[in-house]
Amino acid sequence: MPIAFEPSPRPTLGIEEEFQLCDPQSGDLVPKADEIMAAADPELRKRLSYDLLLTLVEANTEVSETVEEGIEDLLDKRRQVQTLAEASGCTLGMTGTHPYADPKEQQIVDTPDYQWVRDQLGYVALRNITFGLHVHVGVDDAERAVYIANRMRLWIGPLIALAANSPYLDGVDTGWDAARVYVFGAFPRAGIPPRLRSYKEFAQQMDALIAAAAITKPRQIWWNVRVHPQFGTVEFRACDVQSSVPRTASIVALVQALVVTYGDAHRAGEPEPELPGAYLEDLRWKGMRFGLDADVIDAETSEVLSMPDFVRRMLEVARPAAEKLGTTRYLDIVSEILRSGNAATAQRAALVEEGGDLRRLQLRLLRETAESGIRRPESSSA
């Protein structure tokens, strides 16, 4: 049976965040997801999800009409989950990787879906100790959603660079700004999606993968940007989770504005530009490895420019739609990130202040998350 796309009449938002569950004294991950799920009241439980490992809980906002509404709901979910975590003797972490967790100590969630992932991926599933931010934007037509997803591939690399918050893994500085994206990239059907010519082609590919037992449902396609038929959205999945509320809001607003921009372009009959795969891969690699400190190729024009200048080009593309949406102040936060550096840069500076001790860094990050990312709203600065 063809997979139906449930259209969204407006560019509504859904935000998903994945949280570390950590011991507040040691900073270690703890397998408390079952306790937190069991303790959540029925309304909150509808907005919480497992995600592969018992050391992680995912919170999902309600469908929101505006960025402000989505961020207010996000903060409410953070606070409620933190309260449950504290009652279970743990606290929330919001970086893209845990800096020193041991994959061999991880436990897979005991549901058919996640046991299927374990059986498919083996040790790679246990090593996926990663924590992301996913942004859904409503789209009103299936063909338009495919067009938007195709064009959003251009911005995977710069968005990874802006949101990079995972330099540490396996007890070392990886040298990467976004090691989370590298780790998750070991999954099949992850990374940059292919260019799709139509929604029919997308649906046919999903049907064929299901028939071949490669997947059991479309959401087991883990591309960095994908069409989500059930929700009627384009979902951007490449970003690390952020403890900073303003930075989260800036990423959400930027993704929404880009989706609206390309939705308008599709209505106007604007043809898709050719985006060479080698350039898209280089953009993604540079965003993961070097963050904002790299020269890249604009896959649309073949021009070589710095990653910060490419981010500024992205802002120029998004700004007219952001003006219509009333969200330009969030795009201004992106400019501040370009001045001060991404969260990976901040983590490295903090590690120096903590004498090079990753455990002390982890405890510091947990405190900062509880104090500024959960308990009180942050200012509009990055």
Protein backbone atom coordinates (compact mmCIF):
# COMPACT_ATOMS: atom_id res chain seq x y z
CA MET A 1 0.00 0.00 0.00
CA PRO A 2 1.43 3.45 -0.90
CA ILE A 3 2.64 5.51 2.06
CA ALA A 4 0.29 8.47 2.43
CA PHE A 5 1.64 11.94 3.17
CA GLU A 6 -0.52 13.77 5.72
CA PRO A 7 -0.16 17.43 4.71
CA SER A 8 0.27 20.26 7.21
CA PRO A 9 -1.50 23.44 6.03
CA ARG A 10 0.98 25.76 7.79
CA PRO A 11 4.74 25.66 8.55
CA THR A 12 4.13 24.46 12.09
CA LEU A 13 6.97 23.21 14.26
CA GLY A 14 7.81 20.12 16.24
CA ILE A 15 11.04 19.94 18.23
CA GLU A 16 12.66 16.75 19.52
CA GLU A 17 15.52 16.71 22.02
CA GLU A 18 17.51 13.72 23.29
CA PHE A 19 18.78 13.97 26.87
CA GLN A 20 21.61 12.16 28.65
CA LEU A 21 20.60 10.59 31.97
CA CYS A 22 23.58 11.10 34.29
CA ASP A 23 24.63 10.53 37.87
CA PRO A 24 25.00 14.05 39.32
CA GLN A 25 27.96 13.03 41.48
CA SER A 26 30.09 11.10 38.96
CA GLY A 27 28.74 12.39 35.65
CA ASP A 28 28.39 8.81 34.40
CA LEU A 29 25.45 7.74 32.29
CA VAL A 30 22.83 5.73 34.21
CA PRO A 31 20.11 3.45 32.71
CA LYS A 32 17.12 5.24 34.20
CA ALA A 33 14.85 5.63 31.16
CA ASP A 34 12.36 2.99 32.33
CA GLU A 35 12.00 4.69 35.74
CA ILE A 36 11.43 8.10 34.19
CA MET A 37 8.90 6.78 31.70
CA ALA A 38 7.01 4.94 34.44
CA ALA A 39 6.93 8.01 36.69
CA ALA A 40 5.73 10.47 34.03
CA ASP A 41 2.08 11.47 34.23
CA PRO A 42 -0.07 10.34 31.27
CA GLU A 43 -0.02 13.70 29.48
CA LEU A 44 3.75 14.06 29.69
CA ARG A 45 4.25 10.42 28.79
CA LYS A 46 2.62 11.11 25.41
CA ARG A 47 5.46 13.53 24.65
CA LEU A 48 8.35 11.31 25.84
CA SER A 49 10.03 8.57 23.85
CA TYR A 50 12.67 5.93 24.27
CA ASP A 51 15.55 6.13 21.81
CA LEU A 52 17.61 2.94 21.65
CA LEU A 53 19.56 3.16 24.94
CA LEU A 54 18.27 3.19 28.51
CA THR A 55 20.61 6.08 29.31
CA LEU A 56 18.58 8.44 27.12
CA VAL A 57 15.12 10.00 27.07
CA GLU A 58 13.68 11.98 24.18
CA ALA A 59 11.18 14.81 24.70
CA ASN A 60 8.92 16.00 21.90
CA THR A 61 7.03 19.28 21.85
CA GLU A 62 3.44 19.64 20.83
CA VAL A 63 2.84 20.94 17.32
CA SER A 64 3.61 24.66 17.64
CA GLU A 65 2.47 27.56 15.48
CA THR A 66 5.50 29.74 16.24
CA VAL A 67 9.10 29.48 17.37
CA GLU A 68 8.15 31.20 20.63
CA GLU A 69 5.45 28.64 21.33
CA GLY A 70 7.77 25.76 20.47
CA ILE A 71 10.58 27.03 22.71
CA GLU A 72 8.20 27.66 25.61
CA ASP A 73 6.96 24.07 25.28
CA LEU A 74 10.55 22.81 24.98
CA LEU A 75 11.49 24.53 28.24
CA ASP A 76 8.44 23.08 29.95
CA LYS A 77 9.41 19.57 28.81
CA ARG A 78 13.00 20.08 29.97
CA ARG A 79 11.85 21.13 33.42
CA GLN A 80 9.36 18.29 33.79
CA VAL A 81 11.89 15.66 32.69
CA GLN A 82 14.56 17.16 34.97
CA THR A 83 12.15 16.89 37.91
CA LEU A 84 11.55 13.21 37.09
CA ALA A 85 15.27 12.64 36.66
CA GLU A 86 16.07 14.16 40.05
CA ALA A 87 13.41 11.96 41.65
CA SER A 88 15.24 8.97 40.12
CA GLY A 89 18.62 10.17 41.39
CA CYS A 90 19.96 11.51 38.12
CA THR A 91 20.16 14.71 36.07
CA LEU A 92 20.00 15.70 32.40
CA GLY A 93 22.97 16.28 30.11
CA MET A 94 22.67 18.21 26.84
CA THR A 95 25.76 17.68 24.74
CA GLY A 96 25.88 15.68 21.51
CA THR A 97 28.01 12.90 23.02
CA HIS A 98 28.89 11.77 26.50
CA PRO A 99 32.64 12.42 26.77
CA TYR A 100 33.77 9.09 28.21
CA ALA A 101 30.90 6.59 28.39
CA ASP A 102 31.76 2.94 27.67
CA PRO A 103 29.65 1.39 24.88
CA LYS A 104 30.02 -2.06 26.45
CA GLU A 105 28.07 -0.87 29.50
CA GLN A 106 25.05 0.34 27.52
CA GLN A 107 21.68 -1.40 27.56
CA ILE A 108 19.24 -1.43 24.65
CA VAL A 109 15.61 -0.52 25.30
CA ASP A 110 13.54 -3.71 25.54
CA THR A 111 10.95 -3.05 22.84
CA PRO A 112 10.54 -4.88 19.52
CA ASP A 113 11.63 -1.81 17.51
CA TYR A 114 14.87 -1.27 19.40
CA GLN A 115 15.68 -4.94 19.70
CA TRP A 116 15.34 -5.03 15.90
CA VAL A 117 17.90 -2.19 15.68
CA ARG A 118 20.22 -4.13 18.02
CA ASP A 119 19.88 -7.27 15.89
CA GLN A 120 20.54 -5.28 12.72
CA LEU A 121 23.53 -3.25 13.94
CA GLY A 122 25.18 -5.25 16.72
CA TYR A 123 27.96 -3.37 18.52
CA VAL A 124 27.37 -0.23 16.44
CA ALA A 125 24.01 0.17 18.20
CA LEU A 126 25.69 0.12 21.63
CA ARG A 127 28.24 2.69 20.48
CA ASN A 128 25.52 5.14 19.45
CA ILE A 129 25.77 7.16 22.66
CA THR A 130 24.59 10.29 20.89
CA PHE A 131 22.10 13.05 21.61
CA GLY A 132 20.51 15.12 18.87
CA LEU A 133 18.11 17.95 18.13
CA HIS A 134 15.51 17.28 15.43
CA VAL A 135 13.29 19.96 13.91
CA HIS A 136 10.05 19.21 12.04
CA VAL A 137 8.45 21.86 9.84
CA GLY A 138 4.97 21.36 8.42
CA VAL A 139 4.56 21.20 4.63
CA ASP A 140 1.26 21.29 2.78
CA ASP A 141 2.05 19.01 -0.17
CA ALA A 142 3.96 15.78 -0.66
CA GLU A 143 5.76 16.84 -3.86
CA ARG A 144 6.68 20.13 -2.21
CA ALA A 145 8.13 18.25 0.77
CA VAL A 146 10.38 16.22 -1.53
CA TYR A 147 11.55 19.39 -3.32
CA ILE A 148 12.29 21.09 0.01
CA ALA A 149 14.22 18.10 1.35
CA ASN A 150 16.28 17.98 -1.84
CA ARG A 151 17.24 21.65 -1.52
CA MET A 152 17.84 21.50 2.24
CA ARG A 153 20.73 19.11 1.55
CA LEU A 154 22.81 22.20 0.71
CA TRP A 155 22.69 23.36 4.32
CA ILE A 156 23.46 20.10 6.15
CA GLY A 157 27.15 20.96 6.54
CA PRO A 158 26.78 24.54 7.82
CA LEU A 159 23.98 23.60 10.21
CA ILE A 160 26.13 20.80 11.63
CA ALA A 161 28.94 23.33 12.09
CA LEU A 162 26.73 25.86 13.87
CA ALA A 163 25.24 23.25 16.23
CA ALA A 164 28.45 21.25 16.82
CA ASN A 165 28.50 20.26 20.50
CA SER A 166 30.31 16.92 20.64
CA PRO A 167 34.11 17.13 20.51
CA TYR A 168 34.71 14.39 23.11
CA LEU A 169 34.12 10.65 22.75
CA ASP A 170 35.64 7.53 24.32
CA GLY A 171 37.59 9.68 26.79
CA VAL A 172 39.49 11.71 24.18
CA ASP A 173 39.24 14.91 22.19
CA THR A 174 38.34 13.47 18.80
CA GLY A 175 39.55 16.56 16.96
CA TRP A 176 36.04 16.75 15.52
CA ASP A 177 33.53 19.44 16.45
CA ALA A 178 30.54 17.14 15.89
CA ALA A 179 31.64 13.58 16.64
CA ARG A 180 27.99 12.67 17.23
CA VAL A 181 27.25 12.97 13.53
CA TYR A 182 30.22 10.71 12.75
CA VAL A 183 29.08 8.05 15.26
CA PHE A 184 25.50 8.06 14.07
CA GLY A 185 26.75 7.98 10.50
CA ALA A 186 27.79 4.37 11.07
CA PHE A 187 24.09 3.51 10.86
CA PRO A 188 22.78 2.41 7.46
CA ARG A 189 20.56 4.87 5.58
CA ALA A 190 22.12 7.80 7.48
CA GLY A 191 23.89 10.89 6.21
CA ILE A 192 22.98 12.86 3.10
CA PRO A 193 19.85 11.57 1.37
CA PRO A 194 19.71 10.91 -2.35
CA ARG A 195 17.98 13.43 -4.57
CA LEU A 196 14.43 12.18 -5.09
CA ARG A 197 12.50 13.04 -8.24
CA SER A 198 9.01 12.73 -6.75
CA TYR A 199 7.04 11.60 -3.74
CA LYS A 200 6.12 8.49 -5.73
CA GLU A 201 9.81 7.59 -5.95
CA PHE A 202 10.19 8.13 -2.20
CA ALA A 203 7.19 5.89 -1.46
CA GLN A 204 8.44 3.21 -3.85
CA GLN A 205 11.83 3.16 -2.17
CA MET A 206 10.24 2.83 1.26
CA ASP A 207 8.06 -0.05 0.03
CA ALA A 208 11.04 -1.82 -1.51
CA LEU A 209 13.17 -1.45 1.63
CA ILE A 210 10.33 -2.83 3.75
CA ALA A 211 9.84 -5.74 1.33
CA ALA A 212 13.57 -6.53 1.60
CA ALA A 213 13.42 -6.39 5.43
CA ALA A 214 15.95 -3.56 5.37
CA ILE A 215 13.50 -1.49 7.43
CA THR A 216 10.16 -2.16 9.06
CA LYS A 217 8.81 1.42 8.76
CA PRO A 218 9.83 4.67 7.02
CA ARG A 219 11.19 6.29 10.19
CA GLN A 220 14.05 3.76 10.10
CA ILE A 221 15.42 5.90 7.30
CA TRP A 222 17.90 8.01 9.30
CA TRP A 223 18.92 10.59 6.70
CA ASN A 224 20.09 14.00 7.93
CA VAL A 225 17.00 15.52 6.32
CA ARG A 226 13.94 13.53 5.40
CA VAL A 227 10.29 13.68 4.46
CA HIS A 228 8.11 12.46 7.33
CA PRO A 229 4.83 11.22 5.79
CA GLN A 230 2.98 10.55 9.07
CA PHE A 231 3.54 14.06 10.44
CA GLY A 232 3.37 15.89 7.11
CA THR A 233 6.76 17.51 7.69
CA VAL A 234 10.28 17.89 6.47
CA GLU A 235 12.49 16.84 9.38
CA PHE A 236 16.05 18.14 9.84
CA ARG A 237 18.05 15.67 11.95
CA ALA A 238 21.73 16.66 11.65
CA CYS A 239 22.18 18.92 14.70
CA ASP A 240 23.64 18.16 18.13
CA VAL A 241 21.39 18.89 21.09
CA GLN A 242 22.09 22.29 22.68
CA SER A 243 21.85 23.18 26.36
CA SER A 244 21.57 26.87 25.34
CA VAL A 245 17.95 27.85 24.82
CA PRO A 246 18.79 30.80 22.52
CA ARG A 247 20.98 28.61 20.33
CA THR A 248 18.27 25.99 20.12
CA ALA A 249 15.76 28.68 19.15
CA SER A 250 18.11 30.03 16.48
CA ILE A 251 18.49 26.59 14.87
CA VAL A 252 14.74 25.98 14.97
CA ALA A 253 13.98 29.39 13.44
CA LEU A 254 16.64 28.99 10.76
CA VAL A 255 15.39 25.56 9.70
CA GLN A 256 11.78 26.79 9.61
CA ALA A 257 12.72 29.83 7.50
CA LEU A 258 14.68 27.70 5.02
CA VAL A 259 11.77 25.27 4.64
CA VAL A 260 9.37 28.16 4.03
CA THR A 261 11.82 29.69 1.53
CA TYR A 262 11.99 26.52 -0.51
CA GLY A 263 8.26 25.91 -0.22
CA ASP A 264 7.71 29.33 -1.80
CA ALA A 265 10.31 28.52 -4.47
CA HIS A 266 8.43 25.33 -5.35
CA ARG A 267 5.14 27.23 -5.67
CA ALA A 268 6.87 29.70 -7.97
CA GLY A 269 8.13 26.88 -10.20
CA GLU A 270 11.82 27.49 -9.45
CA PRO A 271 13.86 24.55 -10.77
CA GLU A 272 16.13 22.65 -8.43
CA PRO A 273 19.80 23.51 -8.85
CA GLU A 274 22.30 20.76 -9.46
CA LEU A 275 24.04 19.90 -6.14
CA PRO A 276 27.09 17.71 -6.83
CA GLY A 277 27.29 14.91 -4.29
CA ALA A 278 31.04 15.33 -3.80
CA TYR A 279 30.53 18.94 -2.71
CA LEU A 280 27.67 18.05 -0.37
CA GLU A 281 29.79 15.33 1.23
CA ASP A 282 32.70 17.73 1.65
CA LEU A 283 30.42 20.30 3.28
CA ARG A 284 29.09 17.69 5.69
CA TRP A 285 32.59 16.38 6.47
CA LYS A 286 33.98 19.87 7.08
CA GLY A 287 31.04 20.73 9.35
CA MET A 288 31.62 17.60 11.44
CA ARG A 289 35.40 17.75 11.55
CA PHE A 290 36.30 21.43 11.58
CA GLY A 291 33.04 23.15 12.49
CA LEU A 292 33.24 26.81 11.49
CA ASP A 293 36.99 26.72 10.80
CA ALA A 294 37.18 25.47 7.20
CA ASP A 295 36.99 26.50 3.57
CA VAL A 296 34.13 24.84 1.71
CA ILE A 297 32.53 24.64 -1.72
CA ASP A 298 29.07 26.10 -2.21
CA ALA A 299 27.47 23.11 -3.93
CA GLU A 300 25.00 25.41 -5.69
CA THR A 301 27.57 27.79 -7.26
CA SER A 302 30.89 25.84 -7.01
CA GLU A 303 32.44 28.89 -5.30
CA VAL A 304 35.04 28.29 -2.60
CA LEU A 305 34.45 30.32 0.56
CA SER A 306 34.86 30.05 4.32
CA MET A 307 32.33 28.16 6.36
CA PRO A 308 31.33 31.36 8.25
CA ASP A 309 30.71 33.11 4.92
CA PHE A 310 28.65 30.14 3.76
CA VAL A 311 26.60 30.38 6.96
CA ARG A 312 26.06 34.08 6.18
CA ARG A 313 24.86 33.07 2.71
CA MET A 314 22.43 30.66 4.37
CA LEU A 315 21.15 33.51 6.55
CA GLU A 316 20.62 35.67 3.44
CA VAL A 317 18.54 32.91 1.86
CA ALA A 318 16.47 32.46 5.02
CA ARG A 319 15.99 36.10 6.05
CA PRO A 320 13.06 37.09 3.78
CA ALA A 321 11.02 34.13 5.07
CA ALA A 322 12.09 34.90 8.65
CA GLU A 323 10.84 38.46 8.19
CA LYS A 324 7.44 37.10 7.15
CA LEU A 325 7.46 34.71 10.12
CA GLY A 326 8.64 37.39 12.58
CA THR A 327 11.73 35.40 13.60
CA THR A 328 14.67 37.53 12.41
CA ARG A 329 15.86 38.14 15.99
CA TYR A 330 16.63 34.42 16.24
CA LEU A 331 18.75 34.60 13.12
CA ASP A 332 20.74 37.36 14.81
CA ILE A 333 21.81 34.73 17.39
CA VAL A 334 23.43 32.79 14.55
CA SER A 335 25.57 35.84 13.84
CA GLU A 336 26.64 35.83 17.49
CA ILE A 337 27.64 32.15 17.21
CA LEU A 338 29.86 33.11 14.27
CA ARG A 339 31.57 35.69 16.48
CA SER A 340 31.96 33.61 19.64
CA GLY A 341 32.21 30.06 18.28
CA ASN A 342 30.03 26.96 18.45
CA ALA A 343 29.45 24.89 21.58
CA ALA A 344 32.36 22.56 20.74
CA THR A 345 34.65 25.58 20.98
CA ALA A 346 33.13 26.43 24.36
CA GLN A 347 33.60 22.86 25.60
CA ARG A 348 37.27 22.91 24.68
CA ALA A 349 37.81 26.22 26.47
CA ALA A 350 36.00 24.84 29.53
CA LEU A 351 38.19 21.73 29.55
CA VAL A 352 41.30 23.91 29.79
CA GLU A 353 39.73 25.68 32.78
CA GLU A 354 39.03 22.29 34.35
CA GLY A 355 42.68 21.26 34.08
CA GLY A 356 42.11 18.84 31.20
CA ASP A 357 39.93 16.54 33.35
CA LEU A 358 36.97 15.24 31.32
CA ARG A 359 35.07 14.16 34.43
CA ARG A 360 35.30 17.64 35.88
CA LEU A 361 34.21 19.04 32.54
CA GLN A 362 31.20 16.71 32.44
CA LEU A 363 30.12 17.73 35.94
CA ARG A 364 30.50 21.39 34.99
CA LEU A 365 28.38 20.90 31.87
CA LEU A 366 25.69 19.11 33.88
CA ARG A 367 25.57 22.00 36.38
CA GLU A 368 25.40 24.58 33.62
CA THR A 369 22.59 22.68 31.91
CA ALA A 370 20.54 22.49 35.11
CA GLU A 371 21.14 26.13 36.00
CA SER A 372 20.74 27.91 32.67
CA GLY A 373 19.26 25.43 30.22
CA ILE A 374 16.45 24.13 32.42
CA ARG A 375 15.73 26.03 35.62
CA ARG A 376 15.47 29.54 34.23
CA PRO A 377 15.01 31.01 30.76
CA GLU A 378 18.17 32.35 29.20
CA SER A 379 18.53 35.81 27.73
CA SER A 380 18.41 36.34 23.97
CA SER A 381 22.20 36.17 23.74
CA ALA A 382 23.95 33.03 22.53
